[in-house]
Amino acid sequence: MVIKGKVHKFGDDINTDDIIAAKYLVSTDAKELGKHCMETIDPEFSQAVSPGDIIVAENNFGCGSSREHAPLAIKGCGISAVIAKSFAAIFFRNAINIGLPFLESPDADKIKAGDIIEIDLAGGIIKNITQGQNYKTEAFPEFLRDIVEEGGLMNYIKKREK
């Protein structure tokens, strides 16, 4: 599975309240949540995202509360993957549950806003097309790629039960 998109860049400690403000937690509709994704940091973010774009951040992305709404809002606004130097542990589980791929990369700081990158999930390669650079990351395990391709854990389980 290869993902290609334009980078939207964020710094350290992006918490779940930054990703989706608590006042929007009355909905679980991904598209509705996506309209408000990152608006406390950048009110124009959701309008600037094109389907398939990628978030790149620094350390501790997704910290804060354990709400599944955060990765749901990210996916709902059209983001196809998140790359960061590190993630909060709870974000891992919630992202997989809804089928949002994430990758840790010590080179996330080398990727700039607006860069076009291509992620090879199986090979563990992040190719920065804009800069002509490649960065190594852990390959996304096959079973996690399967969950992402099915659109999340529940869809994956339903398919396997048939």
Protein backbone atom coordinates (compact mmCIF):
# COMPACT_ATOMS: atom_id res chain seq x y z
CA MET A 1 0.00 0.00 0.00
CA VAL A 2 1.43 3.36 -1.08
CA ILE A 3 0.07 6.72 0.10
CA LYS A 4 0.95 9.98 -1.63
CA GLY A 5 -0.02 13.49 -0.61
CA LYS A 6 0.88 17.03 0.39
CA VAL A 7 2.28 17.63 3.87
CA HIS A 8 0.58 19.68 6.58
CA LYS A 9 3.16 20.28 9.32
CA PHE A 10 2.67 20.53 13.09
CA GLY A 11 5.04 20.69 16.07
CA ASP A 12 5.35 18.92 19.40
CA ASP A 13 2.61 17.84 21.80
CA ILE A 14 -0.41 18.10 19.51
CA ASN A 15 -3.11 16.87 21.87
CA THR A 16 -6.54 15.47 21.21
CA ASP A 17 -8.16 18.82 22.16
CA ASP A 18 -6.03 20.46 19.45
CA ILE A 19 -7.08 17.80 16.95
CA ILE A 20 -10.80 18.11 17.76
CA ALA A 21 -12.16 20.50 20.37
CA ALA A 22 -14.33 18.99 23.12
CA LYS A 23 -17.36 21.03 22.04
CA TYR A 24 -17.63 18.86 18.89
CA LEU A 25 -17.68 15.52 20.72
CA VAL A 26 -21.46 15.35 20.41
CA SER A 27 -20.97 13.77 16.98
CA THR A 28 -19.26 10.60 15.79
CA ASP A 29 -19.71 11.46 12.12
CA ALA A 30 -16.22 11.55 10.61
CA LYS A 31 -17.08 14.14 7.94
CA GLU A 32 -18.69 16.47 10.50
CA LEU A 33 -15.74 16.11 12.88
CA GLY A 34 -13.36 16.63 9.96
CA LYS A 35 -14.81 20.10 9.33
CA HIS A 36 -13.38 21.13 12.70
CA CYS A 37 -10.09 19.21 12.67
CA MET A 38 -7.16 21.24 14.05
CA GLU A 39 -9.26 24.42 14.14
CA THR A 40 -7.89 25.54 17.53
CA ILE A 41 -4.40 25.61 15.96
CA ASP A 42 -5.33 26.57 12.39
CA PRO A 43 -8.96 27.60 11.76
CA GLU A 44 -8.47 27.13 7.98
CA PHE A 45 -6.90 23.67 8.23
CA SER A 46 -9.85 21.56 7.09
CA GLN A 47 -10.44 23.83 4.08
CA ALA A 48 -6.75 23.56 3.12
CA VAL A 49 -6.73 19.74 3.10
CA SER A 50 -7.16 17.85 -0.13
CA PRO A 51 -8.15 14.17 0.03
CA GLY A 52 -5.02 12.09 0.52
CA ASP A 53 -2.93 14.77 2.23
CA ILE A 54 -0.64 13.80 5.12
CA ILE A 55 0.02 15.27 8.55
CA VAL A 56 3.65 15.37 9.69
CA ALA A 57 4.38 16.35 13.29
CA GLU A 58 7.14 16.29 15.85
CA ASN A 59 7.04 14.55 19.27
CA ASN A 60 4.09 13.20 21.26
CA PHE A 61 1.36 13.55 18.63
CA GLY A 62 -2.10 12.61 19.90
CA CYS A 63 -1.42 13.11 23.61
CA GLY A 64 -4.22 14.01 26.00
CA SER A 65 -7.47 12.17 26.42
CA SER A 66 -8.22 8.77 24.93
CA ARG A 67 -11.00 9.94 22.63
CA GLU A 68 -11.38 8.09 19.36
CA HIS A 69 -12.81 11.29 17.90
CA ALA A 70 -9.29 12.64 17.26
CA PRO A 71 -8.16 10.19 14.57
CA LEU A 72 -11.74 10.10 13.27
CA ALA A 73 -11.61 13.88 12.71
CA ILE A 74 -8.23 13.56 10.99
CA LYS A 75 -9.51 10.87 8.65
CA GLY A 76 -12.82 12.69 8.17
CA CYS A 77 -11.15 15.83 6.84
CA GLY A 78 -9.31 13.81 4.18
CA ILE A 79 -5.92 13.10 5.75
CA SER A 80 -4.64 9.69 4.62
CA ALA A 81 -1.79 9.17 7.13
CA VAL A 82 0.08 10.75 10.02
CA ILE A 83 3.86 10.75 10.45
CA ALA A 84 5.47 11.96 13.68
CA LYS A 85 8.68 11.55 15.63
CA SER A 86 6.57 9.93 18.35
CA PHE A 87 2.93 9.29 19.23
CA ALA A 88 1.02 9.08 22.47
CA ALA A 89 0.28 5.40 23.16
CA ILE A 90 -3.51 5.75 23.14
CA PHE A 91 -3.43 7.38 19.70
CA PHE A 92 -1.97 4.18 18.20
CA ARG A 93 -4.96 2.08 19.17
CA ASN A 94 -7.57 4.63 18.20
CA ALA A 95 -5.95 5.32 14.82
CA ILE A 96 -5.88 1.61 13.94
CA ASN A 97 -9.45 1.14 15.15
CA ILE A 98 -10.67 3.61 12.52
CA GLY A 99 -8.17 2.65 9.80
CA LEU A 100 -5.79 5.63 9.89
CA PRO A 101 -2.15 4.66 9.23
CA PHE A 102 0.55 6.32 11.32
CA LEU A 103 4.32 6.06 11.17
CA GLU A 104 7.08 7.09 13.54
CA SER A 105 10.10 8.66 11.89
CA PRO A 106 13.09 10.34 13.50
CA ASP A 107 13.35 12.33 10.25
CA ALA A 108 9.92 13.98 10.55
CA ASP A 109 11.63 17.31 11.23
CA LYS A 110 13.26 17.17 7.77
CA ILE A 111 9.86 17.10 6.05
CA LYS A 112 8.45 20.58 5.39
CA ALA A 113 4.92 21.93 5.02
CA GLY A 114 3.82 21.68 1.40
CA ASP A 115 6.26 18.89 0.50
CA ILE A 116 4.82 16.06 -1.56
CA ILE A 117 5.65 12.72 0.01
CA GLU A 118 4.98 9.11 -0.80
CA ILE A 119 4.75 6.47 1.91
CA ASP A 120 5.41 2.80 1.20
CA LEU A 121 3.72 1.20 4.22
CA ALA A 122 4.99 -2.30 3.44
CA GLY A 123 8.56 -1.22 2.73
CA GLY A 124 8.89 1.33 5.52
CA ILE A 125 10.06 4.09 3.19
CA ILE A 126 8.98 7.72 3.18
CA LYS A 127 9.98 9.33 -0.10
CA ASN A 128 10.07 13.13 -0.10
CA ILE A 129 9.42 13.84 -3.75
CA THR A 130 9.82 17.60 -3.30
CA GLN A 131 13.25 17.36 -1.66
CA GLY A 132 14.45 14.20 -3.42
CA GLN A 133 15.10 12.45 -0.09
CA ASN A 134 14.15 9.06 1.35
CA TYR A 135 13.61 8.35 5.04
CA LYS A 136 13.41 4.93 6.66
CA THR A 137 10.67 4.01 9.11
CA GLU A 138 9.32 0.76 10.47
CA ALA A 139 7.32 -1.18 7.89
CA PHE A 140 3.64 -1.17 8.74
CA PRO A 141 2.84 -4.80 9.66
CA GLU A 142 0.69 -6.71 7.20
CA PHE A 143 -2.19 -7.25 9.62
CA LEU A 144 -2.31 -3.48 10.32
CA ARG A 145 -2.23 -2.74 6.58
CA ASP A 146 -5.17 -5.16 6.22
CA ILE A 147 -7.09 -3.29 8.92
CA VAL A 148 -6.38 0.06 7.22
CA GLU A 149 -7.41 -1.31 3.81
CA GLU A 150 -10.71 -2.52 5.31
CA GLY A 151 -11.39 0.93 6.76
CA GLY A 152 -10.86 0.02 10.40
CA LEU A 153 -10.92 -2.77 12.92
CA MET A 154 -14.69 -3.41 12.91
CA ASN A 155 -14.82 -3.79 9.13
CA TYR A 156 -11.75 -6.06 9.27
CA ILE A 157 -13.38 -8.30 11.88
CA LYS A 158 -16.69 -8.45 10.00
CA LYS A 159 -14.90 -9.54 6.83
CA ARG A 160 -12.96 -12.26 8.65
CA GLU A 161 -16.16 -13.65 10.25
CA LYS A 162 -17.69 -14.38 6.83
